[in-house]
Amino acid sequence: MPPRSTRPVDKLDDDDYPAYTMGRAAEMLGTTPAFLRALGDNRLITPLRSEGGHRRYTRYQLRIAARARELVDTGTHIEAACRIINLEDQLEQAQRLNEELHTREATP
């Protein structure tokens, strides 16, 4: 794996770079910081912490939080929404693994 560039511009394209503060993340999602904390309490997302201890979110985590918000907005309890998203992720991983196994079996 090539070394990651340390140029600031490269961080803009990095889905795993903790670029967003809790306030900014909540604003982008149209929700409250309490909602983001609840997602953390339910272990759906675990934000990284700045040197000062402030939560920092990645773009990937914001996409997960947005999915949780969609479910909650349709009446799903937050705990159930977190469980649904975890199950969706597990299903996607299992399907990917299944496809890889079928590809290996089909290749002579």
Protein backbone atom coordinates (compact mmCIF):
# COMPACT_ATOMS: atom_id res chain seq x y z
CA MET A 1 0.00 0.00 0.00
CA PRO A 2 1.50 3.35 -0.98
CA PRO A 3 2.10 5.85 1.81
CA ARG A 4 -0.72 8.29 2.37
CA SER A 5 -0.04 11.78 1.19
CA THR A 6 0.05 14.42 3.87
CA ARG A 7 -1.08 17.21 1.56
CA PRO A 8 -4.13 18.98 3.05
CA VAL A 9 -6.03 18.66 -0.24
CA ASP A 10 -5.83 14.85 -0.04
CA LYS A 11 -7.70 14.92 3.27
CA LEU A 12 -10.72 16.43 1.50
CA ASP A 13 -11.19 13.18 -0.41
CA ASP A 14 -10.55 10.91 2.58
CA ASP A 15 -13.82 9.40 3.86
CA ASP A 16 -12.05 8.42 7.09
CA TYR A 17 -10.55 11.81 7.96
CA PRO A 18 -12.23 13.25 11.09
CA ALA A 19 -12.96 16.65 9.61
CA TYR A 20 -16.30 17.58 11.17
CA THR A 21 -17.01 18.87 14.64
CA MET A 22 -20.14 17.72 16.41
CA GLY A 23 -21.86 21.04 15.81
CA ARG A 24 -21.02 21.07 12.10
CA ALA A 25 -22.02 17.41 11.71
CA ALA A 26 -25.37 18.03 13.42
CA GLU A 27 -25.96 21.09 11.23
CA MET A 28 -25.17 19.15 8.05
CA LEU A 29 -27.55 16.34 9.06
CA GLY A 30 -30.28 18.68 10.27
CA THR A 31 -30.27 17.10 13.69
CA THR A 32 -28.99 17.81 17.20
CA PRO A 33 -25.73 16.99 18.93
CA ALA A 34 -27.79 14.82 21.29
CA PHE A 35 -28.79 12.65 18.32
CA LEU A 36 -25.13 12.13 17.43
CA ARG A 37 -24.29 11.32 21.04
CA ALA A 38 -27.14 8.77 21.05
CA LEU A 39 -25.65 7.09 17.98
CA GLY A 40 -22.39 6.84 19.87
CA ASP A 41 -24.14 5.52 22.97
CA ASN A 42 -25.71 2.82 20.79
CA ARG A 43 -22.30 2.04 19.29
CA LEU A 44 -23.35 2.79 15.75
CA ILE A 45 -20.56 5.31 15.23
CA THR A 46 -17.57 6.10 17.38
CA PRO A 47 -16.21 9.55 16.63
CA LEU A 48 -12.54 10.23 17.01
CA ARG A 49 -11.48 12.81 19.57
CA SER A 50 -9.42 15.94 19.04
CA GLU A 51 -6.51 16.69 21.33
CA GLY A 52 -8.95 18.74 23.42
CA GLY A 53 -11.35 15.79 23.68
CA HIS A 54 -13.96 17.10 21.24
CA ARG A 55 -15.79 14.65 19.00
CA ARG A 56 -14.74 14.68 15.33
CA TYR A 57 -16.72 12.88 12.63
CA THR A 58 -15.71 11.48 9.25
CA ARG A 59 -17.72 11.66 6.04
CA TYR A 60 -18.28 7.91 6.30
CA GLN A 61 -19.72 8.33 9.82
CA LEU A 62 -21.95 11.14 8.60
CA ARG A 63 -23.41 8.87 5.91
CA ILE A 64 -24.21 6.28 8.58
CA ALA A 65 -25.74 8.97 10.80
CA ALA A 66 -27.83 10.19 7.86
CA ARG A 67 -29.17 6.66 7.34
CA ALA A 68 -30.05 6.48 11.05
CA ARG A 69 -31.84 9.80 10.80
CA GLU A 70 -33.88 8.53 7.83
CA LEU A 71 -35.05 5.58 9.91
CA VAL A 72 -35.79 7.67 12.99
CA ASP A 73 -37.69 10.20 10.89
CA THR A 74 -39.99 7.39 9.70
CA GLY A 75 -40.82 6.43 13.28
CA THR A 76 -38.16 3.84 14.10
CA HIS A 77 -36.74 4.09 17.63
CA ILE A 78 -33.09 5.06 17.64
CA GLU A 79 -31.99 1.77 19.22
CA ALA A 80 -33.83 -0.19 16.52
CA ALA A 81 -32.43 2.07 13.80
CA CYS A 82 -28.89 1.39 14.99
CA ARG A 83 -29.56 -2.35 15.01
CA ILE A 84 -31.07 -2.23 11.52
CA ILE A 85 -28.04 -0.39 10.15
CA ASN A 86 -25.67 -2.88 11.79
CA LEU A 87 -27.65 -5.78 10.27
CA GLU A 88 -27.65 -4.10 6.86
CA ASP A 89 -23.87 -3.77 7.09
CA GLN A 90 -23.48 -7.42 8.10
CA LEU A 91 -25.69 -8.50 5.20
CA GLU A 92 -23.66 -6.43 2.75
CA GLN A 93 -20.42 -7.98 4.03
CA ALA A 94 -21.88 -11.49 3.78
CA GLN A 95 -23.08 -10.85 0.23
CA ARG A 96 -19.65 -9.52 -0.74
CA LEU A 97 -17.94 -12.58 0.76
CA ASN A 98 -20.42 -14.89 -0.95
CA GLU A 99 -19.73 -13.23 -4.30
CA GLU A 100 -15.96 -13.59 -3.77
CA LEU A 101 -16.36 -17.27 -2.96
CA HIS A 102 -18.50 -17.86 -6.06
CA THR A 103 -15.95 -16.02 -8.19
CA ARG A 104 -13.12 -18.22 -6.83
CA GLU A 105 -15.10 -21.40 -7.45
CA ALA A 106 -15.89 -20.35 -11.02
CA THR A 107 -12.27 -19.54 -11.82
CA PRO A 108 -10.31 -22.62 -12.93
